[in-house]
């Protein structure tokens, strides 16, 4: 799910970029964000590391709402990516 999201956005960003350097910069930022989202989901879904997930969300300035209840990793990933798509970070 995350890989498909990154690929879709990478294609859009590369097409919209003014130059190859701009495209590379945009895609690099996107990949970093994808890695951070993956790390957040991993940390959040383990109760012992939720505080770390909250710290990561703050450092990365994730604007999406934190989950309010127990949620399975695929469902959390889906919610986050849907939010990201709607808000075009």
N, C-alpha and C. Protein backbone atom coordinates (compact mmCIF):
# COMPACT_ATOMS: atom_id res chain seq x y z
N UNK A 1 0.83 -1.19 0.00
CA UNK A 1 0.00 0.00 0.00
C UNK A 1 0.88 1.26 0.00
N UNK A 2 1.86 1.31 0.88
CA UNK A 2 2.72 2.48 0.97
C UNK A 2 3.58 2.62 -0.28
N UNK A 3 4.10 1.52 -0.78
CA UNK A 3 4.94 1.58 -1.98
C UNK A 3 4.14 2.12 -3.16
N UNK A 4 2.91 1.65 -3.32
CA UNK A 4 2.06 2.14 -4.40
C UNK A 4 1.81 3.64 -4.25
N UNK A 5 1.57 4.08 -3.03
CA UNK A 5 1.33 5.50 -2.77
C UNK A 5 2.54 6.33 -3.16
N UNK A 6 3.73 5.88 -2.74
CA UNK A 6 4.96 6.60 -3.07
C UNK A 6 5.17 6.64 -4.58
N UNK A 7 4.98 5.52 -5.25
CA UNK A 7 5.18 5.47 -6.70
C UNK A 7 4.21 6.41 -7.41
N UNK A 8 2.94 6.37 -7.02
CA UNK A 8 1.95 7.25 -7.65
C UNK A 8 2.32 8.72 -7.50
N UNK A 9 2.68 9.12 -6.27
CA UNK A 9 3.05 10.51 -6.04
C UNK A 9 4.37 10.86 -6.71
N UNK A 10 5.31 9.93 -6.75
CA UNK A 10 6.59 10.19 -7.40
C UNK A 10 6.38 10.49 -8.89
N UNK A 11 5.51 9.73 -9.52
CA UNK A 11 5.22 9.97 -10.93
C UNK A 11 4.60 11.35 -11.14
N UNK A 12 3.65 11.71 -10.28
CA UNK A 12 3.01 13.02 -10.39
C UNK A 12 4.01 14.16 -10.16
N UNK A 13 4.83 14.00 -9.15
CA UNK A 13 5.80 15.05 -8.83
C UNK A 13 6.86 15.18 -9.93
N UNK A 14 7.31 14.06 -10.45
CA UNK A 14 8.32 14.09 -11.51
C UNK A 14 7.76 14.77 -12.76
N UNK A 15 6.51 14.49 -13.07
CA UNK A 15 5.89 15.12 -14.24
C UNK A 15 5.70 16.63 -14.04
N UNK A 16 5.43 17.04 -12.81
CA UNK A 16 5.17 18.45 -12.53
C UNK A 16 6.44 19.27 -12.31
N UNK A 17 7.56 18.61 -12.09
CA UNK A 17 8.81 19.31 -11.79
C UNK A 17 9.30 20.11 -12.99
N UNK A 18 9.97 21.21 -12.69
CA UNK A 18 10.51 22.07 -13.74
C UNK A 18 11.81 21.55 -14.34
N UNK A 19 12.53 20.74 -13.56
CA UNK A 19 13.80 20.21 -14.03
C UNK A 19 14.04 18.84 -13.39
N UNK A 20 15.05 18.16 -13.88
CA UNK A 20 15.39 16.87 -13.29
C UNK A 20 15.85 17.02 -11.85
N UNK A 21 16.57 18.10 -11.56
CA UNK A 21 17.02 18.34 -10.19
C UNK A 21 15.84 18.57 -9.25
N UNK A 22 14.87 19.35 -9.71
CA UNK A 22 13.65 19.58 -8.92
C UNK A 22 12.92 18.26 -8.68
N UNK A 23 12.82 17.46 -9.72
CA UNK A 23 12.14 16.17 -9.60
C UNK A 23 12.84 15.29 -8.58
N UNK A 24 14.16 15.26 -8.64
CA UNK A 24 14.92 14.44 -7.69
C UNK A 24 14.72 14.92 -6.26
N UNK A 25 14.72 16.22 -6.07
CA UNK A 25 14.51 16.79 -4.73
C UNK A 25 13.12 16.44 -4.20
N UNK A 26 12.11 16.61 -5.03
CA UNK A 26 10.73 16.32 -4.62
C UNK A 26 10.54 14.84 -4.30
N UNK A 27 11.08 13.99 -5.14
CA UNK A 27 10.92 12.54 -4.92
C UNK A 27 11.71 12.11 -3.68
N UNK A 28 12.85 12.70 -3.44
CA UNK A 28 13.62 12.38 -2.23
C UNK A 28 12.83 12.74 -0.97
N UNK A 29 12.20 13.92 -0.99
CA UNK A 29 11.37 14.32 0.15
C UNK A 29 10.20 13.36 0.35
N UNK A 30 9.60 12.96 -0.76
CA UNK A 30 8.49 12.03 -0.70
C UNK A 30 8.93 10.69 -0.10
N UNK A 31 10.07 10.19 -0.53
CA UNK A 31 10.58 8.92 0.00
C UNK A 31 10.86 9.03 1.49
N UNK A 32 11.42 10.15 1.92
CA UNK A 32 11.68 10.35 3.34
C UNK A 32 10.37 10.36 4.12
N UNK A 33 9.37 11.01 3.58
CA UNK A 33 8.06 11.05 4.24
C UNK A 33 7.46 9.65 4.32
N UNK A 34 7.57 8.90 3.23
CA UNK A 34 7.07 7.53 3.23
C UNK A 34 7.74 6.68 4.29
N UNK A 35 9.06 6.82 4.43
CA UNK A 35 9.79 6.07 5.47
C UNK A 35 9.32 6.48 6.86
N UNK A 36 9.10 7.77 7.06
CA UNK A 36 8.65 8.25 8.36
C UNK A 36 7.24 7.74 8.68
N UNK A 37 6.38 7.70 7.68
CA UNK A 37 5.03 7.17 7.89
C UNK A 37 5.10 5.70 8.25
N UNK A 38 5.92 4.94 7.55
CA UNK A 38 6.07 3.51 7.86
C UNK A 38 6.57 3.32 9.28
N UNK A 39 7.54 4.12 9.68
CA UNK A 39 8.08 4.02 11.04
C UNK A 39 7.00 4.37 12.06
N UNK A 40 6.21 5.40 11.80
CA UNK A 40 5.14 5.78 12.72
C UNK A 40 4.16 4.63 12.92
N UNK A 41 3.72 4.02 11.82
CA UNK A 41 2.76 2.92 11.92
C UNK A 41 3.36 1.78 12.73
N UNK A 42 4.61 1.45 12.47
CA UNK A 42 5.28 0.38 13.21
C UNK A 42 5.32 0.70 14.70
N UNK A 43 5.69 1.91 15.04
CA UNK A 43 5.79 2.30 16.45
C UNK A 43 4.42 2.40 17.11
N UNK A 44 3.44 2.95 16.41
CA UNK A 44 2.12 3.15 17.00
C UNK A 44 1.45 1.83 17.33
N UNK A 45 1.63 0.85 16.51
CA UNK A 45 0.90 -0.41 16.67
C UNK A 45 1.50 -1.31 17.74
N UNK A 46 2.59 -0.89 18.34
CA UNK A 46 3.17 -1.59 19.49
C UNK A 46 2.94 -0.69 20.70
N UNK A 47 2.05 -1.11 21.63
CA UNK A 47 1.70 -0.23 22.76
C UNK A 47 2.90 0.32 23.53
N UNK A 48 3.97 -0.44 23.62
CA UNK A 48 5.14 0.02 24.39
C UNK A 48 5.88 1.17 23.70
N UNK A 49 5.64 1.37 22.42
CA UNK A 49 6.38 2.41 21.70
C UNK A 49 5.48 3.55 21.19
N UNK A 50 4.29 3.65 21.73
CA UNK A 50 3.39 4.71 21.28
C UNK A 50 3.93 6.10 21.59
N UNK A 51 4.57 6.26 22.73
CA UNK A 51 5.13 7.58 23.06
C UNK A 51 6.20 7.97 22.04
N UNK A 52 6.96 6.99 21.60
CA UNK A 52 7.97 7.25 20.57
C UNK A 52 7.29 7.65 19.26
N UNK A 53 6.17 7.00 18.95
CA UNK A 53 5.42 7.35 17.74
C UNK A 53 4.92 8.79 17.81
N UNK A 54 4.46 9.20 18.97
CA UNK A 54 3.98 10.58 19.14
C UNK A 54 5.14 11.56 18.96
N UNK A 55 6.31 11.22 19.50
CA UNK A 55 7.48 12.08 19.31
C UNK A 55 7.85 12.19 17.83
N UNK A 56 7.82 11.06 17.14
CA UNK A 56 8.12 11.05 15.71
C UNK A 56 7.13 11.93 14.96
N UNK A 57 5.85 11.80 15.30
CA UNK A 57 4.83 12.62 14.64
C UNK A 57 5.09 14.11 14.85
N UNK A 58 5.54 14.47 16.03
CA UNK A 58 5.84 15.88 16.31
C UNK A 58 7.06 16.35 15.53
N UNK A 59 8.11 15.56 15.54
CA UNK A 59 9.35 15.93 14.84
C UNK A 59 9.12 16.04 13.34
N UNK A 60 8.35 15.12 12.79
CA UNK A 60 8.07 15.12 11.35
C UNK A 60 6.96 16.09 10.97
N UNK A 61 6.33 16.67 11.97
CA UNK A 61 5.22 17.62 11.77
C UNK A 61 4.07 17.00 10.99
N UNK A 62 3.75 15.76 11.37
CA UNK A 62 2.59 15.11 10.76
C UNK A 62 1.35 15.84 11.24
N UNK A 63 0.51 16.23 10.31
CA UNK A 63 -0.68 17.02 10.66
C UNK A 63 -1.92 16.16 10.82
N UNK A 64 -1.86 14.90 10.39
CA UNK A 64 -3.05 14.07 10.49
C UNK A 64 -3.33 13.74 11.95
N UNK A 65 -4.61 13.49 12.25
CA UNK A 65 -4.97 13.19 13.64
C UNK A 65 -4.42 11.83 14.08
N UNK A 66 -3.98 11.79 15.32
CA UNK A 66 -3.52 10.52 15.87
C UNK A 66 -4.71 9.61 16.11
N UNK A 67 -4.51 8.31 16.02
CA UNK A 67 -5.61 7.37 16.29
C UNK A 67 -6.11 7.54 17.73
N UNK A 68 -7.38 7.32 17.91
CA UNK A 68 -7.97 7.44 19.25
C UNK A 68 -8.29 6.10 19.88
N UNK A 69 -8.11 5.03 19.11
CA UNK A 69 -8.38 3.70 19.64
C UNK A 69 -7.42 2.70 18.98
N UNK A 70 -7.50 1.47 19.43
CA UNK A 70 -6.65 0.42 18.85
C UNK A 70 -7.02 0.25 17.38
N UNK A 71 -6.00 0.12 16.55
CA UNK A 71 -6.23 0.00 15.12
C UNK A 71 -5.16 -0.91 14.53
N UNK A 72 -5.55 -1.72 13.59
CA UNK A 72 -4.62 -2.63 12.94
C UNK A 72 -3.70 -1.84 12.00
N UNK A 73 -2.45 -2.28 11.86
CA UNK A 73 -1.50 -1.54 11.01
C UNK A 73 -1.99 -1.23 9.60
N UNK A 74 -2.59 -2.19 8.87
CA UNK A 74 -3.05 -1.84 7.52
C UNK A 74 -4.13 -0.76 7.52
N UNK A 75 -5.00 -0.81 8.52
CA UNK A 75 -6.07 0.19 8.61
C UNK A 75 -5.49 1.57 8.94
N UNK A 76 -4.51 1.59 9.83
CA UNK A 76 -3.86 2.86 10.18
C UNK A 76 -3.14 3.43 8.96
N UNK A 77 -2.40 2.58 8.26
CA UNK A 77 -1.69 3.03 7.06
C UNK A 77 -2.67 3.60 6.04
N UNK A 78 -3.78 2.91 5.86
CA UNK A 78 -4.80 3.38 4.91
C UNK A 78 -5.34 4.75 5.31
N UNK A 79 -5.65 4.92 6.59
CA UNK A 79 -6.17 6.21 7.07
C UNK A 79 -5.17 7.34 6.86
N UNK A 80 -3.92 7.07 7.17
CA UNK A 80 -2.88 8.09 7.03
C UNK A 80 -2.71 8.48 5.56
N UNK A 81 -2.61 7.49 4.69
CA UNK A 81 -2.39 7.78 3.28
C UNK A 81 -3.60 8.48 2.66
N UNK A 82 -4.79 8.12 3.09
CA UNK A 82 -5.99 8.81 2.61
C UNK A 82 -5.95 10.27 3.04
N UNK A 83 -5.56 10.52 4.29
CA UNK A 83 -5.45 11.90 4.77
C UNK A 83 -4.40 12.65 3.96
N UNK A 84 -3.26 12.03 3.76
CA UNK A 84 -2.18 12.66 2.98
C UNK A 84 -2.67 13.03 1.58
N UNK A 85 -3.41 12.13 0.95
CA UNK A 85 -3.93 12.40 -0.40
C UNK A 85 -4.89 13.58 -0.40
N UNK A 86 -5.73 13.66 0.61
CA UNK A 86 -6.72 14.74 0.67
C UNK A 86 -6.08 16.10 0.96
N UNK A 87 -4.98 16.07 1.68
CA UNK A 87 -4.37 17.33 2.12
C UNK A 87 -3.09 17.66 1.36
N UNK A 88 -2.73 16.85 0.42
CA UNK A 88 -1.59 17.10 -0.49
C UNK A 88 -0.42 17.79 0.20
N UNK A 89 0.16 17.08 1.16
CA UNK A 89 1.31 17.65 1.85
C UNK A 89 2.40 17.82 0.86
